């Protein structure tokens, strides 16, 4: 079997599994509930969900979209998130070709967009599972062949996390209100750990441009207060895989302009 096809299937399955976990994360994290206890259960009758009923996408189809115990309808968003995770996992491996390291990195950067978008847009929160998880994953990967190396990863964590933290403090003092959330700082530090400081900074620039292009027209037409908090995590997260794939080209273009 061609290694690329194997990776496509592998990361598609992993994406569906991550989607199943993200369903738990999206529901429990804003409610300050444990992600471990209790185990998967029906929110209505509290009946524990059997392992074979918890298989991503197929479990919902097997049950006919209803709880095995109380027969209450299970929202369709659960299999949709799992299916989206599967599609994004496949897409990440497809973009990476036969490169395992690149597949892992793109998988993380792309699939984690699901909880970043779902939670930050509604609650203005970013889960530590994703932000700190990105820092730990990036540094762990830095010891393997094909990565940026552990020193570049450490520099990326310190420069990106520390730099954005200081910027946030400066903005808070200048504007006399809370600046960038600490969740964004940790998310950016994770990008520094994964792709290094230079490409992470490119993602910050792209994310800021995306936020301006989307949120200013939205607030104008929706008549939202320009002083209300802005969820920056989704834009920064969306910019990360773009920077990872095309950041070097962007840097070369910028240097030519300068």
Protein backbone atom coordinates (compact mmCIF):
# COMPACT_ATOMS: atom_id res chain seq x y z
CA UNK A 1 0.00 0.00 0.00
CA UNK A 2 1.25 3.49 -0.83
CA UNK A 3 2.39 5.25 2.36
CA UNK A 4 0.38 8.36 1.47
CA UNK A 5 -2.86 6.36 1.26
CA UNK A 6 -2.06 4.71 4.60
CA UNK A 7 -1.51 8.10 6.23
CA UNK A 8 -4.74 9.45 4.75
CA UNK A 9 -6.69 6.61 6.35
CA UNK A 10 -4.79 6.76 9.62
CA UNK A 11 -5.28 10.48 10.17
CA UNK A 12 -8.90 10.32 9.04
CA UNK A 13 -9.58 7.75 11.79
CA UNK A 14 -7.59 9.82 14.30
CA UNK A 15 -9.57 12.88 13.27
CA UNK A 16 -12.85 11.12 14.00
CA UNK A 17 -11.53 10.04 17.42
CA UNK A 18 -10.37 13.58 18.16
CA UNK A 19 -13.80 14.81 17.08
CA UNK A 20 -15.40 12.52 19.65
CA UNK A 21 -13.14 13.97 22.36
CA UNK A 22 -13.83 17.50 21.15
CA UNK A 23 -17.54 16.90 21.67
CA UNK A 24 -16.77 16.28 25.34
CA UNK A 25 -14.43 19.27 25.49
CA UNK A 26 -16.90 21.66 23.84
CA UNK A 27 -19.69 20.63 26.23
CA UNK A 28 -17.80 20.31 29.50
CA UNK A 29 -14.99 22.88 29.41
CA UNK A 30 -17.20 26.04 29.44
CA UNK A 31 -19.24 24.44 32.25
CA UNK A 32 -16.07 23.79 34.28
CA UNK A 33 -16.75 20.05 34.33
CA UNK A 34 -14.07 17.36 34.48
CA UNK A 35 -13.09 15.92 31.11
CA UNK A 36 -12.46 12.52 32.72
CA UNK A 37 -15.19 11.93 35.30
CA UNK A 38 -17.91 10.93 34.87
CA UNK A 39 -17.36 8.90 31.70
CA UNK A 40 -19.45 9.37 28.57
CA UNK A 41 -23.13 9.34 29.52
CA UNK A 42 -26.52 10.54 28.35
CA UNK A 43 -27.05 14.10 29.67
CA UNK A 44 -30.77 13.36 30.19
CA UNK A 45 -30.95 9.96 31.93
CA UNK A 46 -27.25 9.84 33.01
CA UNK A 47 -26.96 6.29 31.63
CA UNK A 48 -23.35 5.31 30.86
CA UNK A 49 -22.69 4.99 27.14
CA UNK A 50 -21.31 1.58 26.17
CA UNK A 51 -17.97 1.53 24.36
CA UNK A 52 -19.47 0.10 21.14
CA UNK A 53 -22.09 2.87 21.16
CA UNK A 54 -19.34 5.48 21.44
CA UNK A 55 -17.62 4.66 18.14
CA UNK A 56 -17.34 7.98 16.24
CA UNK A 57 -20.14 8.56 13.68
CA UNK A 58 -21.11 4.86 13.46
CA UNK A 59 -22.26 4.68 17.08
CA UNK A 60 -24.81 7.43 16.46
CA UNK A 61 -25.98 5.75 13.26
CA UNK A 62 -26.26 2.35 14.97
CA UNK A 63 -28.42 3.85 17.72
CA UNK A 64 -30.59 5.68 15.22
CA UNK A 65 -29.62 8.98 16.81
CA UNK A 66 -31.23 8.05 20.16
CA UNK A 67 -30.00 7.11 23.63
CA UNK A 68 -29.92 3.31 24.08
CA UNK A 69 -31.57 3.68 27.50
CA UNK A 70 -34.10 6.56 27.53
CA UNK A 71 -34.52 6.86 23.73
CA UNK A 72 -34.08 10.64 23.86
CA UNK A 73 -32.70 12.13 20.65
CA UNK A 74 -28.93 12.63 20.52
CA UNK A 75 -28.17 15.98 18.83
CA UNK A 76 -26.88 15.57 15.29
CA UNK A 77 -24.01 17.95 16.08
CA UNK A 78 -22.17 15.07 17.78
CA UNK A 79 -21.68 12.90 14.68
CA UNK A 80 -21.18 16.03 12.58
CA UNK A 81 -18.22 17.13 14.74
CA UNK A 82 -16.78 13.61 14.50
CA UNK A 83 -17.27 13.53 10.74
CA UNK A 84 -15.71 16.99 10.42
CA UNK A 85 -12.73 15.76 12.44
CA UNK A 86 -12.39 12.82 10.05
CA UNK A 87 -12.48 15.11 7.00
CA UNK A 88 -9.95 17.53 8.48
CA UNK A 89 -7.66 14.67 9.50
CA UNK A 90 -7.74 13.33 5.95
CA UNK A 91 -7.17 16.83 4.56
CA UNK A 92 -4.14 17.39 6.81
CA UNK A 93 -2.50 14.12 5.72
CA UNK A 94 -3.36 14.86 2.09
CA UNK A 95 -1.61 18.23 2.26
CA UNK A 96 1.43 16.66 3.92
CA UNK A 97 1.83 13.90 1.34
CA UNK A 98 4.05 11.06 2.59
CA UNK A 99 5.80 13.18 5.26
CA UNK A 100 4.85 11.77 8.69
CA UNK A 101 6.16 14.71 10.73
CA UNK A 102 4.39 17.19 8.50
CA UNK A 103 1.21 15.11 8.73
CA UNK A 104 1.30 15.16 12.54
CA UNK A 105 1.89 18.91 12.70
CA UNK A 106 -0.77 19.78 10.13
CA UNK A 107 -3.19 17.37 11.79
CA UNK A 108 -2.81 19.19 15.10
CA UNK A 109 -2.98 22.68 13.59
CA UNK A 110 -6.04 21.91 11.46
CA UNK A 111 -8.13 19.50 13.56
CA UNK A 112 -7.86 21.60 16.74
CA UNK A 113 -9.60 24.42 14.90
CA UNK A 114 -12.86 22.65 15.83
CA UNK A 115 -12.79 23.38 19.59
CA UNK A 116 -10.99 26.69 19.07
CA UNK A 117 -13.83 27.98 16.90
CA UNK A 118 -16.64 26.34 18.88
CA UNK A 119 -15.51 27.56 22.30
CA UNK A 120 -13.73 30.88 21.73
CA UNK A 121 -16.42 32.46 19.55
CA UNK A 122 -19.14 31.71 22.12
CA UNK A 123 -17.34 31.86 25.46
CA UNK A 124 -14.12 33.81 24.74
CA UNK A 125 -12.15 30.92 26.19
CA UNK A 126 -9.42 28.66 24.85
CA UNK A 127 -9.02 25.23 26.49
CA UNK A 128 -5.68 24.38 28.10
CA UNK A 129 -6.00 20.98 26.46
CA UNK A 130 -5.33 22.73 23.15
CA UNK A 131 -3.09 25.64 24.18
CA UNK A 132 -0.78 23.93 26.66
CA UNK A 133 -1.20 20.71 24.70
CA UNK A 134 0.24 22.48 21.66
CA UNK A 135 3.28 23.65 23.64
CA UNK A 136 3.97 20.15 24.97
CA UNK A 137 3.38 18.50 21.59
CA UNK A 138 5.61 20.97 19.76
CA UNK A 139 8.47 20.53 22.19
CA UNK A 140 8.10 16.72 22.20
CA UNK A 141 8.17 16.59 18.40
CA UNK A 142 11.28 18.78 18.33
CA UNK A 143 13.43 15.80 19.33
CA UNK A 144 12.51 13.82 16.21
CA UNK A 145 13.90 13.96 12.70
CA UNK A 146 12.14 16.42 10.41
CA UNK A 147 11.27 18.84 13.22
CA UNK A 148 12.65 22.32 13.87
CA UNK A 149 14.87 21.02 16.71
CA UNK A 150 14.51 21.40 20.46
CA UNK A 151 16.44 24.67 20.70
CA UNK A 152 14.31 26.38 18.04
CA UNK A 153 11.22 25.03 19.77
CA UNK A 154 12.29 26.48 23.13
CA UNK A 155 13.11 29.82 21.51
CA UNK A 156 9.71 29.77 19.80
CA UNK A 157 7.92 29.16 23.10
CA UNK A 158 9.82 31.91 24.92
CA UNK A 159 9.77 34.49 22.11
CA UNK A 160 6.16 33.99 21.05
CA UNK A 161 4.61 33.40 24.46
CA UNK A 162 6.72 36.00 26.24
CA UNK A 163 6.48 38.58 23.47
CA UNK A 164 2.70 38.35 23.15
CA UNK A 165 2.31 38.39 26.93
CA UNK A 166 4.29 41.64 27.21
CA UNK A 167 2.34 43.10 24.30
CA UNK A 168 -0.92 42.19 26.04
CA UNK A 169 0.21 43.91 29.26
CA UNK A 170 1.23 47.03 27.33
CA UNK A 171 -2.16 47.14 25.57
CA UNK A 172 -3.98 46.69 28.87
CA UNK A 173 -2.15 49.64 30.43
CA UNK A 174 -2.55 51.85 27.35
CA UNK A 175 -6.25 51.09 26.81
CA UNK A 176 -7.04 50.79 30.55
CA UNK A 177 -8.86 47.51 29.99
CA UNK A 178 -7.97 43.85 29.56
CA UNK A 179 -5.86 43.29 26.46
CA UNK A 180 -5.30 39.97 24.75
CA UNK A 181 -6.43 36.96 26.75
CA UNK A 182 -3.85 34.60 28.25
CA UNK A 183 -5.38 31.78 26.22
CA UNK A 184 -4.24 33.50 23.04
CA UNK A 185 -0.75 33.87 24.54
CA UNK A 186 -0.53 30.14 25.28
CA UNK A 187 -1.94 29.24 21.86
CA UNK A 188 0.69 31.42 20.16
CA UNK A 189 3.45 29.93 22.33
CA UNK A 190 2.32 26.51 21.11
CA UNK A 191 2.66 27.64 17.51
CA UNK A 192 6.16 28.84 18.34
CA UNK A 193 6.97 25.42 19.79
CA UNK A 194 5.68 23.64 16.70
CA UNK A 195 6.94 25.78 13.82
CA UNK A 196 9.48 28.17 15.35
CA UNK A 197 9.33 31.87 16.12
CA UNK A 198 9.56 33.19 12.54
CA UNK A 199 6.67 31.20 11.07
CA UNK A 200 4.62 31.70 14.23
CA UNK A 201 5.03 35.48 13.84
CA UNK A 202 3.82 35.17 10.25
CA UNK A 203 0.71 33.42 11.59
CA UNK A 204 0.18 36.31 14.03
CA UNK A 205 0.26 38.82 11.17
CA UNK A 206 -2.08 36.73 9.01
CA UNK A 207 -4.41 36.16 11.96
CA UNK A 208 -4.59 39.88 12.72
CA UNK A 209 -5.40 40.65 9.07
CA UNK A 210 -8.12 37.97 9.00
CA UNK A 211 -9.62 39.35 12.21
CA UNK A 212 -9.74 42.87 10.77
CA UNK A 213 -11.24 41.69 7.47
CA UNK A 214 -14.00 39.74 9.22
CA UNK A 215 -14.79 41.43 12.52
CA UNK A 216 -14.86 45.10 11.49
CA UNK A 217 -17.52 44.58 8.76
CA UNK A 218 -19.40 42.20 11.07
CA UNK A 219 -19.54 44.71 13.90
CA UNK A 220 -20.54 47.47 11.51
CA UNK A 221 -23.44 45.61 9.91
CA UNK A 222 -24.49 43.83 13.10
CA UNK A 223 -24.24 47.14 14.98
CA UNK A 224 -21.94 45.67 17.64
CA UNK A 225 -20.01 47.82 20.11
CA UNK A 226 -16.42 48.23 18.88
CA UNK A 227 -15.26 48.07 22.51
CA UNK A 228 -16.70 44.58 23.08
CA UNK A 229 -14.19 41.70 23.41
CA UNK A 230 -12.89 40.11 20.22
CA UNK A 231 -12.32 36.35 19.94
CA UNK A 232 -8.86 36.30 18.37
CA UNK A 233 -8.12 32.60 18.86
CA UNK A 234 -10.06 31.36 15.80
CA UNK A 235 -8.25 33.78 13.47
CA UNK A 236 -4.85 32.96 14.95
CA UNK A 237 -5.67 29.27 14.73
CA UNK A 238 -6.80 29.54 11.12
CA UNK A 239 -3.61 31.41 10.22
CA UNK A 240 -1.30 28.76 11.75
CA UNK A 241 -1.59 26.03 9.07
CA UNK A 242 -1.43 28.72 6.36
CA UNK A 243 1.81 30.02 7.87
CA UNK A 244 3.22 26.52 8.32
CA UNK A 245 2.64 25.73 4.64
CA UNK A 246 3.37 29.10 3.04
CA UNK A 247 5.09 31.16 5.73
CA UNK A 248 8.56 30.97 4.16
CA UNK A 249 7.17 32.26 0.86
CA UNK A 250 5.49 35.11 2.75
CA UNK A 251 8.76 35.98 4.51
CA UNK A 252 10.67 36.02 1.21
CA UNK A 253 8.04 38.26 -0.34
CA UNK A 254 8.17 40.61 2.63
CA UNK A 255 11.96 40.82 2.51
CA UNK A 256 11.84 41.68 -1.21
CA UNK A 257 9.36 44.47 -0.52
CA UNK A 258 11.55 45.87 2.29
